[in-house]
Amino acid sequence: MGKVSVITVKVPDELKEKMRQVKVNWSRYLREAIMKKVEEASLRAASAKIDEVRLRVRPVPTDELVSWIREDRER
């Protein structure tokens, strides 16, 4: 896993007691939940950048696309 940092999560006493009753590795569970959320945020950011690029790029006519494909095939 490499270098790790410690974070603290505060929960109400009632919740902590209920967590003790559930057989879950809470550190692993929270680590995976955090990684999933970070990955989702990263994908949203990438999607936003793609959308931004799409807005700036002009549409390419079909005949021009066909021309590019034919040129590529001839190489």
C-alpha atoms as a PDB file:
ATOM      1  CA  MET A   1       0.000   0.000   0.000  1.00  0.00           C
ATOM      2  CA  GLY A   2       2.984   2.316   0.398  1.00  0.00           C
ATOM      3  CA  LYS A   3       3.095   5.312   2.687  1.00  0.00           C
ATOM      4  CA  VAL A   4      -0.159   5.829   4.569  1.00  0.00           C
ATOM      5  CA  SER A   5      -1.730   8.645   6.532  1.00  0.00           C
ATOM      6  CA  VAL A   6      -4.073   8.416   9.465  1.00  0.00           C
ATOM      7  CA  ILE A   7      -7.433  10.147   9.417  1.00  0.00           C
ATOM      8  CA  THR A   8      -9.984  10.324  12.202  1.00  0.00           C
ATOM      9  CA  VAL A   9     -13.724   9.980  11.809  1.00  0.00           C
ATOM     10  CA  LYS A  10     -16.026  11.122  14.580  1.00  0.00           C
ATOM     11  CA  VAL A  11     -19.312   9.278  15.016  1.00  0.00           C
ATOM     12  CA  PRO A  12     -21.946   9.447  17.757  1.00  0.00           C
ATOM     13  CA  ASP A  13     -21.536   6.947  20.598  1.00  0.00           C
ATOM     14  CA  GLU A  14     -24.758   5.167  19.568  1.00  0.00           C
ATOM     15  CA  LEU A  15     -23.418   4.573  16.091  1.00  0.00           C
ATOM     16  CA  LYS A  16     -20.056   3.371  17.412  1.00  0.00           C
ATOM     17  CA  GLU A  17     -21.848   0.792  19.545  1.00  0.00           C
ATOM     18  CA  LYS A  18     -23.889  -0.389  16.568  1.00  0.00           C
ATOM     19  CA  MET A  19     -20.701  -0.601  14.489  1.00  0.00           C
ATOM     20  CA  ARG A  20     -19.186  -2.956  17.081  1.00  0.00           C
ATOM     21  CA  GLN A  21     -22.115  -5.320  16.568  1.00  0.00           C
ATOM     22  CA  VAL A  22     -21.493  -5.539  12.810  1.00  0.00           C
ATOM     23  CA  LYS A  23     -18.634  -7.787  11.739  1.00  0.00           C
ATOM     24  CA  VAL A  24     -16.981  -5.408   9.252  1.00  0.00           C
ATOM     25  CA  ASN A  25     -13.399  -4.262   8.859  1.00  0.00           C
ATOM     26  CA  TRP A  26     -14.343  -0.584   9.119  1.00  0.00           C
ATOM     27  CA  SER A  27     -10.908   0.674   8.098  1.00  0.00           C
ATOM     28  CA  ARG A  28     -11.041  -1.325   4.864  1.00  0.00           C
ATOM     29  CA  TYR A  29     -14.683  -0.400   4.258  1.00  0.00           C
ATOM     30  CA  LEU A  30     -14.027   3.326   4.665  1.00  0.00           C
ATOM     31  CA  ARG A  31     -10.802   3.188   2.630  1.00  0.00           C
ATOM     32  CA  GLU A  32     -12.663   1.509  -0.262  1.00  0.00           C
ATOM     33  CA  ALA A  33     -15.569   3.975   0.002  1.00  0.00           C
ATOM     34  CA  ILE A  34     -13.135   6.902  -0.102  1.00  0.00           C
ATOM     35  CA  MET A  35     -11.277   5.440  -3.104  1.00  0.00           C
ATOM     36  CA  LYS A  36     -14.584   4.927  -4.932  1.00  0.00           C
ATOM     37  CA  LYS A  37     -15.688   8.520  -4.250  1.00  0.00           C
ATOM     38  CA  VAL A  38     -12.319   9.912  -5.400  1.00  0.00           C
ATOM     39  CA  GLU A  39     -12.494   7.819  -8.591  1.00  0.00           C
ATOM     40  CA  GLU A  40     -16.054   9.032  -9.278  1.00  0.00           C
ATOM     41  CA  ALA A  41     -14.951  12.647  -8.818  1.00  0.00           C
ATOM     42  CA  SER A  42     -12.006  12.074 -11.152  1.00  0.00           C
ATOM     43  CA  LEU A  43     -14.286  10.586 -13.818  1.00  0.00           C
ATOM     44  CA  ARG A  44     -16.719  13.505 -13.471  1.00  0.00           C
ATOM     45  CA  ALA A  45     -13.848  15.967 -13.922  1.00  0.00           C
ATOM     46  CA  ALA A  46     -12.594  14.102 -17.002  1.00  0.00           C
ATOM     47  CA  SER A  47     -16.114  14.025 -18.423  1.00  0.00           C
ATOM     48  CA  ALA A  48     -16.470  17.775 -17.882  1.00  0.00           C
ATOM     49  CA  LYS A  49     -13.189  18.375 -19.736  1.00  0.00           C
ATOM     50  CA  ILE A  50     -14.345  16.183 -22.625  1.00  0.00           C
ATOM     51  CA  ASP A  51     -17.615  18.124 -22.804  1.00  0.00           C
ATOM     52  CA  GLU A  52     -15.641  21.381 -22.838  1.00  0.00           C
ATOM     53  CA  VAL A  53     -13.508  20.166 -25.741  1.00  0.00           C
ATOM     54  CA  ARG A  54     -16.598  19.004 -27.641  1.00  0.00           C
ATOM     55  CA  LEU A  55     -18.040  22.506 -27.394  1.00  0.00           C
ATOM     56  CA  ARG A  56     -14.894  24.014 -28.936  1.00  0.00           C
ATOM     57  CA  VAL A  57     -14.469  21.503 -31.773  1.00  0.00           C
ATOM     58  CA  ARG A  58     -16.335  21.977 -35.013  1.00  0.00           C
ATOM     59  CA  PRO A  59     -18.346  19.041 -36.406  1.00  0.00           C
ATOM     60  CA  VAL A  60     -16.605  17.152 -39.204  1.00  0.00           C
ATOM     61  CA  PRO A  61     -18.697  16.493 -42.321  1.00  0.00           C
ATOM     62  CA  THR A  62     -19.232  12.833 -43.225  1.00  0.00           C
ATOM     63  CA  ASP A  63     -17.541  13.147 -46.619  1.00  0.00           C
ATOM     64  CA  GLU A  64     -14.416  14.511 -44.930  1.00  0.00           C
ATOM     65  CA  LEU A  65     -14.361  11.570 -42.509  1.00  0.00           C
ATOM     66  CA  VAL A  66     -14.703   9.143 -45.408  1.00  0.00           C
ATOM     67  CA  SER A  67     -11.819  10.891 -47.150  1.00  0.00           C
ATOM     68  CA  TRP A  68      -9.601  10.529 -44.068  1.00  0.00           C
ATOM     69  CA  ILE A  69     -10.424   6.832 -43.774  1.00  0.00           C
ATOM     70  CA  ARG A  70      -9.612   6.204 -47.445  1.00  0.00           C
ATOM     71  CA  GLU A  71      -6.306   8.085 -47.137  1.00  0.00           C
ATOM     72  CA  ASP A  72      -5.395   6.033 -44.089  1.00  0.00           C
ATOM     73  CA  ARG A  73      -6.227   2.757 -45.827  1.00  0.00           C
ATOM     74  CA  GLU A  74      -4.049   3.687 -48.791  1.00  0.00           C
ATOM     75  CA  ARG A  75      -1.019   4.126 -46.535  1.00  0.00           C
END
